[in-house]
C-alpha atoms as a PDB file:
ATOM      1  CA  MET A   1      -2.215  62.713  23.537  1.00  0.00           C
ATOM      2  CA  ILE A   2      -2.349  61.448  19.770  1.00  0.00           C
ATOM      3  CA  LYS A   3      -1.675  63.737  16.847  1.00  0.00           C
ATOM      4  CA  ILE A   4      -3.995  63.585  13.776  1.00  0.00           C
ATOM      5  CA  THR A   5      -3.096  65.245  10.501  1.00  0.00           C
ATOM      6  CA  VAL A   6      -5.928  66.249   8.152  1.00  0.00           C
ATOM      7  CA  GLY A   7      -5.261  67.455   4.693  1.00  0.00           C
ATOM      8  CA  VAL A   8      -7.458  69.606   2.402  1.00  0.00           C
ATOM      9  CA  LEU A   9      -6.719  69.029  -1.308  1.00  0.00           C
ATOM     10  CA  ALA A  10      -5.614  72.612  -2.250  1.00  0.00           C
ATOM     11  CA  LEU A  11      -5.510  72.369  -6.075  1.00  0.00           C
ATOM     12  CA  GLN A  12      -8.709  74.452  -6.905  1.00  0.00           C
ATOM     13  CA  GLY A  13     -12.004  75.317  -5.106  1.00  0.00           C
ATOM     14  CA  ALA A  14     -13.098  76.227  -1.675  1.00  0.00           C
ATOM     15  CA  PHE A  15     -10.085  74.637   0.364  1.00  0.00           C
ATOM     16  CA  LEU A  16      -9.386  77.746   2.429  1.00  0.00           C
ATOM     17  CA  GLU A  17     -13.001  77.740   3.676  1.00  0.00           C
ATOM     18  CA  HIS A  18     -12.736  74.094   4.606  1.00  0.00           C
ATOM     19  CA  LEU A  19      -9.545  74.747   6.480  1.00  0.00           C
ATOM     20  CA  GLU A  20     -11.185  77.593   8.479  1.00  0.00           C
ATOM     21  CA  LEU A  21     -14.163  75.452   9.423  1.00  0.00           C
ATOM     22  CA  LEU A  22     -11.967  72.443  10.370  1.00  0.00           C
ATOM     23  CA  LYS A  23     -10.069  74.788  12.703  1.00  0.00           C
ATOM     24  CA  LYS A  24     -13.265  76.021  14.140  1.00  0.00           C
ATOM     25  CA  ALA A  25     -14.686  72.493  14.530  1.00  0.00           C
ATOM     26  CA  ALA A  26     -11.514  71.191  16.321  1.00  0.00           C
ATOM     27  CA  ALA A  27     -11.832  74.102  18.822  1.00  0.00           C
ATOM     28  CA  SER A  28     -15.517  73.336  19.558  1.00  0.00           C
ATOM     29  CA  LEU A  29     -14.747  69.591  20.203  1.00  0.00           C
ATOM     30  CA  GLY A  30     -12.817  70.827  23.442  1.00  0.00           C
ATOM     31  CA  SER A  31      -9.267  70.535  24.756  1.00  0.00           C
ATOM     32  CA  GLN A  32      -9.683  67.666  27.152  1.00  0.00           C
ATOM     33  CA  GLN A  33      -6.504  65.778  27.836  1.00  0.00           C
ATOM     34  CA  SER A  34      -7.881  62.749  25.777  1.00  0.00           C
ATOM     35  CA  SER A  35      -8.556  64.940  22.861  1.00  0.00           C
ATOM     36  CA  PRO A  36      -6.065  64.605  19.854  1.00  0.00           C
ATOM     37  CA  GLN A  37      -3.748  67.261  18.711  1.00  0.00           C
ATOM     38  CA  TRP A  38      -4.994  68.358  15.208  1.00  0.00           C
ATOM     39  CA  GLU A  39      -2.967  69.456  12.373  1.00  0.00           C
ATOM     40  CA  PHE A  40      -4.393  70.821   9.211  1.00  0.00           C
ATOM     41  CA  LEU A  41      -2.626  71.079   6.060  1.00  0.00           C
ATOM     42  CA  GLU A  42      -3.099  72.282   2.393  1.00  0.00           C
ATOM     43  CA  ILE A  43      -2.164  69.273   0.101  1.00  0.00           C
ATOM     44  CA  ARG A  44      -0.774  69.838  -3.257  1.00  0.00           C
ATOM     45  CA  THR A  45       1.977  67.035  -3.628  1.00  0.00           C
ATOM     46  CA  PRO A  46       2.287  63.220  -3.126  1.00  0.00           C
ATOM     47  CA  GLN A  47       4.759  64.086  -0.390  1.00  0.00           C
ATOM     48  CA  GLU A  48       2.273  66.214   1.589  1.00  0.00           C
ATOM     49  CA  LEU A  49      -0.402  63.501   1.128  1.00  0.00           C
ATOM     50  CA  LYS A  50       1.650  60.857   2.857  1.00  0.00           C
ATOM     51  CA  ARG A  51       1.641  63.010   5.996  1.00  0.00           C
ATOM     52  CA  CYS A  52      -2.089  62.694   6.302  1.00  0.00           C
ATOM     53  CA  ASP A  53      -4.328  60.609   8.378  1.00  0.00           C
ATOM     54  CA  ALA A  54      -7.562  61.989   6.602  1.00  0.00           C
ATOM     55  CA  LEU A  55      -8.326  64.125   3.714  1.00  0.00           C
ATOM     56  CA  VAL A  56     -10.987  66.585   2.368  1.00  0.00           C
ATOM     57  CA  LEU A  57     -11.769  66.996  -1.269  1.00  0.00           C
ATOM     58  CA  PRO A  58     -13.359  70.426  -1.563  1.00  0.00           C
ATOM     59  CA  GLY A  59     -15.953  71.843  -3.784  1.00  0.00           C
ATOM     60  CA  GLY A  60     -14.865  73.607  -6.987  1.00  0.00           C
ATOM     61  CA  GLU A  61     -14.755  72.300 -10.554  1.00  0.00           C
ATOM     62  CA  SER A  62     -14.245  68.622 -10.484  1.00  0.00           C
ATOM     63  CA  THR A  63     -12.795  68.590 -14.018  1.00  0.00           C
ATOM     64  CA  ALA A  64     -10.110  71.173 -13.259  1.00  0.00           C
ATOM     65  CA  ILE A  65      -9.223  69.463  -9.958  1.00  0.00           C
ATOM     66  CA  SER A  66      -8.755  66.147 -11.804  1.00  0.00           C
ATOM     67  CA  LEU A  67      -6.596  67.629 -14.369  1.00  0.00           C
ATOM     68  CA  VAL A  68      -4.320  69.433 -11.999  1.00  0.00           C
ATOM     69  CA  ALA A  69      -4.126  66.306  -9.874  1.00  0.00           C
ATOM     70  CA  ALA A  70      -3.036  64.351 -12.841  1.00  0.00           C
ATOM     71  CA  ARG A  71      -0.409  66.994 -13.729  1.00  0.00           C
ATOM     72  CA  SER A  72       0.790  66.933 -10.228  1.00  0.00           C
ATOM     73  CA  ASN A  73       1.186  63.203 -10.159  1.00  0.00           C
ATOM     74  CA  LEU A  74      -1.421  62.984  -7.399  1.00  0.00           C
ATOM     75  CA  LEU A  75      -4.334  60.912  -8.990  1.00  0.00           C
ATOM     76  CA  GLU A  76      -2.685  57.550  -8.248  1.00  0.00           C
ATOM     77  CA  PRO A  77      -1.609  58.478  -4.607  1.00  0.00           C
ATOM     78  CA  LEU A  78      -5.119  59.678  -4.131  1.00  0.00           C
ATOM     79  CA  ARG A  79      -6.631  56.567  -5.369  1.00  0.00           C
ATOM     80  CA  ASP A  80      -4.434  54.480  -3.005  1.00  0.00           C
ATOM     81  CA  PHE A  81      -5.283  56.770  -0.042  1.00  0.00           C
ATOM     82  CA  VAL A  82      -8.948  56.177  -0.616  1.00  0.00           C
ATOM     83  CA  LYS A  83      -9.218  52.764  -2.008  1.00  0.00           C
ATOM     84  CA  VAL A  84      -6.208  50.868  -0.891  1.00  0.00           C
ATOM     85  CA  HIS A  85      -5.233  52.430   2.457  1.00  0.00           C
ATOM     86  CA  ARG A  86      -8.895  53.341   3.230  1.00  0.00           C
ATOM     87  CA  LYS A  87      -8.148  56.521   5.115  1.00  0.00           C
ATOM     88  CA  PRO A  88     -10.986  58.830   6.046  1.00  0.00           C
ATOM     89  CA  THR A  89     -11.985  60.861   3.055  1.00  0.00           C
ATOM     90  CA  TRP A  90     -14.729  63.551   2.620  1.00  0.00           C
ATOM     91  CA  GLY A  91     -15.762  65.037  -0.663  1.00  0.00           C
ATOM     92  CA  THR A  92     -18.073  67.970  -1.049  1.00  0.00           C
ATOM     93  CA  CYS A  93     -19.821  68.776  -4.482  1.00  0.00           C
ATOM     94  CA  ALA A  94     -16.890  68.375  -6.861  1.00  0.00           C
ATOM     95  CA  GLY A  95     -15.265  66.251  -4.241  1.00  0.00           C
ATOM     96  CA  LEU A  96     -18.312  63.874  -4.243  1.00  0.00           C
ATOM     97  CA  ILE A  97     -18.042  63.584  -8.038  1.00  0.00           C
ATOM     98  CA  LEU A  98     -14.335  62.718  -7.775  1.00  0.00           C
ATOM     99  CA  LEU A  99     -15.075  60.050  -5.117  1.00  0.00           C
ATOM    100  CA  ALA A 100     -17.877  58.391  -7.074  1.00  0.00           C
ATOM    101  CA  GLU A 101     -17.355  55.202  -8.920  1.00  0.00           C
ATOM    102  CA  SER A 102     -19.314  56.434 -11.835  1.00  0.00           C
ATOM    103  CA  ALA A 103     -20.396  59.974 -13.060  1.00  0.00           C
ATOM    104  CA  ASN A 104     -22.648  60.780 -15.908  1.00  0.00           C
ATOM    105  CA  ARG A 105     -23.152  63.854 -18.038  1.00  0.00           C
ATOM    106  CA  THR A 106     -19.414  63.641 -18.639  1.00  0.00           C
ATOM    107  CA  LYS A 107     -17.597  63.488 -21.964  1.00  0.00           C
ATOM    108  CA  LYS A 108     -15.112  60.650 -22.468  1.00  0.00           C
ATOM    109  CA  GLY A 109     -11.560  61.675 -21.728  1.00  0.00           C
ATOM    110  CA  GLY A 110     -12.771  64.983 -19.972  1.00  0.00           C
ATOM    111  CA  GLN A 111     -12.808  63.666 -16.291  1.00  0.00           C
ATOM    112  CA  GLU A 112     -10.907  61.166 -14.236  1.00  0.00           C
ATOM    113  CA  LEU A 113     -12.437  59.832 -11.050  1.00  0.00           C
ATOM    114  CA  ILE A 114     -10.716  58.787  -7.858  1.00  0.00           C
ATOM    115  CA  GLY A 115     -13.534  56.445  -6.712  1.00  0.00           C
ATOM    116  CA  GLY A 116     -14.253  54.869  -3.355  1.00  0.00           C
ATOM    117  CA  LEU A 117     -18.067  55.344  -3.247  1.00  0.00           C
ATOM    118  CA  ASP A 118     -20.187  52.701  -5.000  1.00  0.00           C
ATOM    119  CA  VAL A 119     -22.546  55.375  -6.466  1.00  0.00           C
ATOM    120  CA  ARG A 120     -23.305  56.937  -9.852  1.00  0.00           C
ATOM    121  CA  VAL A 121     -23.468  60.788  -9.628  1.00  0.00           C
ATOM    122  CA  ASN A 122     -25.504  63.083 -11.782  1.00  0.00           C
ATOM    123  CA  ARG A 123     -23.186  66.102 -12.343  1.00  0.00           C
ATOM    124  CA  ASN A 124     -24.802  69.587 -12.272  1.00  0.00           C
ATOM    125  CA  HIS A 125     -28.116  67.908 -11.373  1.00  0.00           C
ATOM    126  CA  PHE A 126     -29.772  71.233 -10.312  1.00  0.00           C
ATOM    127  CA  GLY A 127     -28.644  73.254 -13.404  1.00  0.00           C
ATOM    128  CA  ARG A 128     -26.485  76.289 -13.892  1.00  0.00           C
ATOM    129  CA  GLN A 129     -24.708  78.379 -11.165  1.00  0.00           C
ATOM    130  CA  THR A 130     -27.481  80.904 -11.470  1.00  0.00           C
ATOM    131  CA  GLU A 131     -29.978  78.331 -10.247  1.00  0.00           C
ATOM    132  CA  SER A 132     -27.843  77.823  -7.050  1.00  0.00           C
ATOM    133  CA  PHE A 133     -29.830  77.727  -3.698  1.00  0.00           C
ATOM    134  CA  GLN A 134     -29.818  77.041  -0.075  1.00  0.00           C
ATOM    135  CA  ALA A 135     -32.296  74.743   1.563  1.00  0.00           C
ATOM    136  CA  PRO A 136     -32.657  73.622   5.373  1.00  0.00           C
ATOM    137  CA  LEU A 137     -31.593  69.984   5.802  1.00  0.00           C
ATOM    138  CA  ASP A 138     -32.503  67.612   8.497  1.00  0.00           C
ATOM    139  CA  LEU A 139     -29.444  65.523   9.115  1.00  0.00           C
ATOM    140  CA  PRO A 140     -30.162  62.909  11.823  1.00  0.00           C
ATOM    141  CA  PHE A 141     -26.501  61.795  12.060  1.00  0.00           C
ATOM    142  CA  LEU A 142     -25.670  65.047  13.739  1.00  0.00           C
ATOM    143  CA  SER A 143     -28.019  64.299  16.631  1.00  0.00           C
ATOM    144  CA  THR A 144     -26.259  63.450  19.848  1.00  0.00           C
ATOM    145  CA  SER A 145     -27.961  61.670  22.796  1.00  0.00           C
ATOM    146  CA  GLY A 146     -31.317  61.736  20.949  1.00  0.00           C
ATOM    147  CA  THR A 147     -31.278  65.562  20.960  1.00  0.00           C
ATOM    148  CA  PRO A 148     -32.857  66.928  17.799  1.00  0.00           C
ATOM    149  CA  GLN A 149     -30.559  69.260  15.801  1.00  0.00           C
ATOM    150  CA  GLN A 150     -31.641  72.509  14.013  1.00  0.00           C
ATOM    151  CA  PRO A 151     -31.732  72.010  10.208  1.00  0.00           C
ATOM    152  CA  PHE A 152     -28.427  72.468   8.346  1.00  0.00           C
ATOM    153  CA  PRO A 153     -28.371  75.494   5.933  1.00  0.00           C
ATOM    154  CA  ALA A 154     -27.089  73.391   2.942  1.00  0.00           C
ATOM    155  CA  VAL A 155     -25.722  75.548   0.084  1.00  0.00           C
ATOM    156  CA  PHE A 156     -26.051  73.925  -3.413  1.00  0.00           C
ATOM    157  CA  ILE A 157     -23.999  75.348  -6.303  1.00  0.00           C
ATOM    158  CA  ARG A 158     -24.099  73.519  -9.656  1.00  0.00           C
ATOM    159  CA  ALA A 159     -24.491  70.536  -7.218  1.00  0.00           C
ATOM    160  CA  PRO A 160     -24.419  66.733  -8.189  1.00  0.00           C
ATOM    161  CA  VAL A 161     -26.767  64.189  -6.605  1.00  0.00           C
ATOM    162  CA  VAL A 162     -26.327  60.507  -6.005  1.00  0.00           C
ATOM    163  CA  GLU A 163     -28.344  59.118  -8.923  1.00  0.00           C
ATOM    164  CA  LYS A 164     -27.947  55.522  -8.023  1.00  0.00           C
ATOM    165  CA  ILE A 165     -26.413  53.232  -5.422  1.00  0.00           C
ATOM    166  CA  LEU A 166     -24.364  50.725  -7.314  1.00  0.00           C
ATOM    167  CA  PRO A 167     -24.067  47.016  -6.421  1.00  0.00           C
ATOM    168  CA  HIS A 168     -20.810  46.162  -4.799  1.00  0.00           C
ATOM    169  CA  HIS A 169     -19.215  43.509  -7.022  1.00  0.00           C
ATOM    170  CA  ASP A 170     -16.370  43.042  -9.420  1.00  0.00           C
ATOM    171  CA  GLY A 171     -17.091  44.251 -13.011  1.00  0.00           C
ATOM    172  CA  ILE A 172     -19.476  47.099 -12.110  1.00  0.00           C
ATOM    173  CA  GLN A 173     -17.069  49.562 -13.772  1.00  0.00           C
ATOM    174  CA  VAL A 174     -17.490  47.634 -16.985  1.00  0.00           C
ATOM    175  CA  ASP A 175     -21.206  47.869 -16.884  1.00  0.00           C
ATOM    176  CA  GLU A 176     -21.226  51.507 -15.912  1.00  0.00           C
ATOM    177  CA  ALA A 177     -18.747  52.369 -18.804  1.00  0.00           C
ATOM    178  CA  LYS A 178     -21.199  51.171 -21.250  1.00  0.00           C
ATOM    179  CA  ARG A 179     -23.448  54.031 -20.451  1.00  0.00           C
ATOM    180  CA  VAL A 180     -23.324  57.123 -22.668  1.00  0.00           C
ATOM    181  CA  GLU A 181     -21.422  60.064 -21.519  1.00  0.00           C
ATOM    182  CA  THR A 182     -20.279  58.198 -18.283  1.00  0.00           C
ATOM    183  CA  VAL A 183     -16.865  57.749 -16.835  1.00  0.00           C
ATOM    184  CA  VAL A 184     -15.736  55.337 -14.215  1.00  0.00           C
ATOM    185  CA  ALA A 185     -13.101  55.095 -11.648  1.00  0.00           C
ATOM    186  CA  PRO A 186     -10.355  52.593 -12.110  1.00  0.00           C
ATOM    187  CA  SER A 187     -10.608  49.616  -9.848  1.00  0.00           C
ATOM    188  CA  ARG A 188      -8.266  48.854  -6.882  1.00  0.00           C
ATOM    189  CA  GLN A 189      -7.315  45.689  -5.069  1.00  0.00           C
ATOM    190  CA  ALA A 190      -7.388  45.972  -1.435  1.00  0.00           C
ATOM    191  CA  GLU A 191      -4.100  45.152   0.249  1.00  0.00           C
ATOM    192  CA  SER A 192      -5.310  44.125   3.749  1.00  0.00           C
ATOM    193  CA  GLU A 193      -8.319  42.271   5.377  1.00  0.00           C
ATOM    194  CA  ALA A 194      -9.232  45.671   6.967  1.00  0.00           C
ATOM    195  CA  SER A 195      -9.376  47.139   3.577  1.00  0.00           C
ATOM    196  CA  ARG A 196     -11.597  44.397   2.258  1.00  0.00           C
ATOM    197  CA  ARG A 197     -13.971  44.822   5.113  1.00  0.00           C
ATOM    198  CA  ALA A 198     -14.168  48.624   4.492  1.00  0.00           C
ATOM    199  CA  MET A 199     -14.820  48.111   0.787  1.00  0.00           C
ATOM    200  CA  SER A 200     -17.448  45.659   1.275  1.00  0.00           C
ATOM    201  CA  ARG A 201     -19.713  47.844   3.239  1.00  0.00           C
ATOM    202  CA  ASP A 202     -22.780  49.014   1.543  1.00  0.00           C
ATOM    203  CA  VAL A 203     -23.569  52.683   0.804  1.00  0.00           C
ATOM    204  CA  GLU A 204     -25.486  54.430   3.625  1.00  0.00           C
ATOM    205  CA  VAL A 205     -27.629  57.282   2.680  1.00  0.00           C
ATOM    206  CA  LEU A 206     -27.276  59.982   5.281  1.00  0.00           C
ATOM    207  CA  ALA A 207     -29.405  62.759   3.755  1.00  0.00           C
ATOM    208  CA  SER A 208     -31.975  63.532   1.074  1.00  0.00           C
ATOM    209  CA  LEU A 209     -33.407  66.698  -0.154  1.00  0.00           C
ATOM    210  CA  PRO A 210     -37.032  65.878   0.285  1.00  0.00           C
ATOM    211  CA  GLY A 211     -39.118  66.633  -2.920  1.00  0.00           C
ATOM    212  CA  ARG A 212     -37.544  68.836  -5.549  1.00  0.00           C
ATOM    213  CA  ALA A 213     -38.493  72.308  -4.768  1.00  0.00           C
ATOM    214  CA  ALA A 214     -40.980  73.841  -7.413  1.00  0.00           C
ATOM    215  CA  HIS A 215     -38.495  76.752  -8.150  1.00  0.00           C
ATOM    216  CA  LEU A 216     -36.152  74.284  -9.453  1.00  0.00           C
ATOM    217  CA  ALA A 217     -38.640  73.059 -12.130  1.00  0.00           C
ATOM    218  CA  VAL A 218     -36.983  75.458 -14.745  1.00  0.00           C
ATOM    219  CA  SER A 219     -38.704  73.557 -17.578  1.00  0.00           C
ATOM    220  CA  GLY A 220     -42.120  74.519 -16.255  1.00  0.00           C
ATOM    221  CA  THR A 221     -43.169  70.973 -15.377  1.00  0.00           C
ATOM    222  CA  PRO A 222     -45.368  70.895 -12.228  1.00  0.00           C
ATOM    223  CA  ILE A 223     -43.868  69.022  -9.351  1.00  0.00           C
ATOM    224  CA  ARG A 224     -45.724  67.161  -6.666  1.00  0.00           C
ATOM    225  CA  ALA A 225     -43.505  67.477  -3.625  1.00  0.00           C
ATOM    226  CA  ASP A 226     -45.495  64.707  -1.814  1.00  0.00           C
ATOM    227  CA  GLU A 227     -44.706  62.282  -4.612  1.00  0.00           C
ATOM    228  CA  GLU A 228     -41.030  63.010  -4.870  1.00  0.00           C
ATOM    229  CA  THR A 229     -38.641  60.523  -3.298  1.00  0.00           C
ATOM    230  CA  GLY A 230     -36.161  63.188  -2.831  1.00  0.00           C
ATOM    231  CA  ASP A 231     -32.568  63.519  -4.182  1.00  0.00           C
ATOM    232  CA  ILE A 232     -29.729  61.852  -2.266  1.00  0.00           C
ATOM    233  CA  VAL A 233     -27.236  64.501  -1.140  1.00  0.00           C
ATOM    234  CA  ALA A 234     -25.066  62.872   1.466  1.00  0.00           C
ATOM    235  CA  VAL A 235     -23.700  59.277   1.582  1.00  0.00           C
ATOM    236  CA  ARG A 236     -21.227  57.297   3.481  1.00  0.00           C
ATOM    237  CA  GLN A 237     -19.355  53.940   2.662  1.00  0.00           C
ATOM    238  CA  GLY A 238     -16.900  52.774   4.997  1.00  0.00           C
ATOM    239  CA  ASN A 239     -14.099  55.418   5.229  1.00  0.00           C
ATOM    240  CA  VAL A 240     -15.479  57.646   2.516  1.00  0.00           C
ATOM    241  CA  PHE A 241     -18.053  60.348   3.073  1.00  0.00           C
ATOM    242  CA  GLY A 242     -19.642  62.479   0.379  1.00  0.00           C
ATOM    243  CA  THR A 243     -22.064  65.640   0.441  1.00  0.00           C
ATOM    244  CA  SER A 244     -23.561  67.246  -2.572  1.00  0.00           C
ATOM    245  CA  PHE A 245     -23.676  70.577  -0.833  1.00  0.00           C
ATOM    246  CA  HIS A 246     -21.044  72.932   0.640  1.00  0.00           C
ATOM    247  CA  PRO A 247     -20.799  72.882   4.304  1.00  0.00           C
ATOM    248  CA  GLU A 248     -17.701  74.989   4.102  1.00  0.00           C
ATOM    249  CA  LEU A 249     -19.570  77.945   2.768  1.00  0.00           C
ATOM    250  CA  THR A 250     -22.031  78.193   5.620  1.00  0.00           C
ATOM    251  CA  GLY A 251     -19.988  79.016   8.827  1.00  0.00           C
ATOM    252  CA  ASP A 252     -21.769  76.266  10.518  1.00  0.00           C
ATOM    253  CA  GLU A 253     -19.042  73.822  11.709  1.00  0.00           C
ATOM    254  CA  ARG A 254     -21.308  70.946  12.834  1.00  0.00           C
ATOM    255  CA  ILE A 255     -20.596  68.590   9.917  1.00  0.00           C
ATOM    256  CA  HIS A 256     -16.849  69.242  10.087  1.00  0.00           C
ATOM    257  CA  ALA A 257     -16.952  68.484  13.950  1.00  0.00           C
ATOM    258  CA  TRP A 258     -19.003  65.186  13.359  1.00  0.00           C
ATOM    259  CA  TRP A 259     -16.512  64.163  10.589  1.00  0.00           C
ATOM    260  CA  LEU A 260     -13.481  64.967  12.767  1.00  0.00           C
ATOM    261  CA  ARG A 261     -14.969  62.676  15.386  1.00  0.00           C
ATOM    262  CA  GLN A 262     -15.276  59.894  12.888  1.00  0.00           C
ATOM    263  CA  VAL A 263     -11.622  60.508  11.873  1.00  0.00           C
ATOM    264  CA  GLU A 264     -10.493  60.320  15.516  1.00  0.00           C
ATOM    265  CA  ASP A 265     -12.368  57.012  15.949  1.00  0.00           C
ATOM    266  CA  SER A 266     -10.873  55.533  12.744  1.00  0.00           C
ATOM    267  CA  VAL A 267      -7.164  56.551  13.869  1.00  0.00           C
ATOM    268  CA  LYS A 268      -7.683  55.158  17.304  1.00  0.00           C
ATOM    269  CA  ARG A 269      -8.919  51.884  15.899  1.00  0.00           C
ATOM    270  CA  LEU A 270      -5.698  51.538  14.021  1.00  0.00           C
ATOM    271  CA  GLN A 271      -3.380  52.190  16.778  1.00  0.00           C
END
């Protein structure tokens, strides 16, 4: 039986809720002899991060998480974890912002990014916290053996969206940094062929919120739902997974269970 250690960055935000759902998800995956032994940790120091095979970046305040990570000497180890060692990493809401290579609506010097996803995110896309909402999402990646899944009760709180899938090439940070109120993640050189392969994969869109709901048109502008392309709210690229919404606030462990299976597959490939 292999042992897999999953950390949740515990600097600010909904890390306890993630830990509870991870434990619930691990229990739902069963206790067969071939199943891994799971360990879940709160991560606040570089030494604790070194113990991890995978990591969750929770929702919360992305600027606060970034500032505390910098003061805790965690930013550089986090960047190495995600972009050099390419260990499985999942970011929700604020975590998605931190994992983006580019984020707009951000003042210069007010936010540092980890990076890992070749996307530009639009922070607080849906407005203020009072405009938070829940929406049923169809998530085909949760389906097993072709069995349709019930819609997932996605919770959006001051949520970002993926505004653009960025081309994967050297210099993209330079182009993005020219944009007004946009910050970019520092580049990282891969240390191994496996890392280079992971980094070369295209971004996969896993979920979109179809048509912007009429009640979100706070400006009073009419919205034709049938003409909306939808907002990208879940993506994956290599070892990195990001969601705009908060699965940890639902009590529904399906996404956590799916992600743990991805982590298990990744760890077993490296053995």
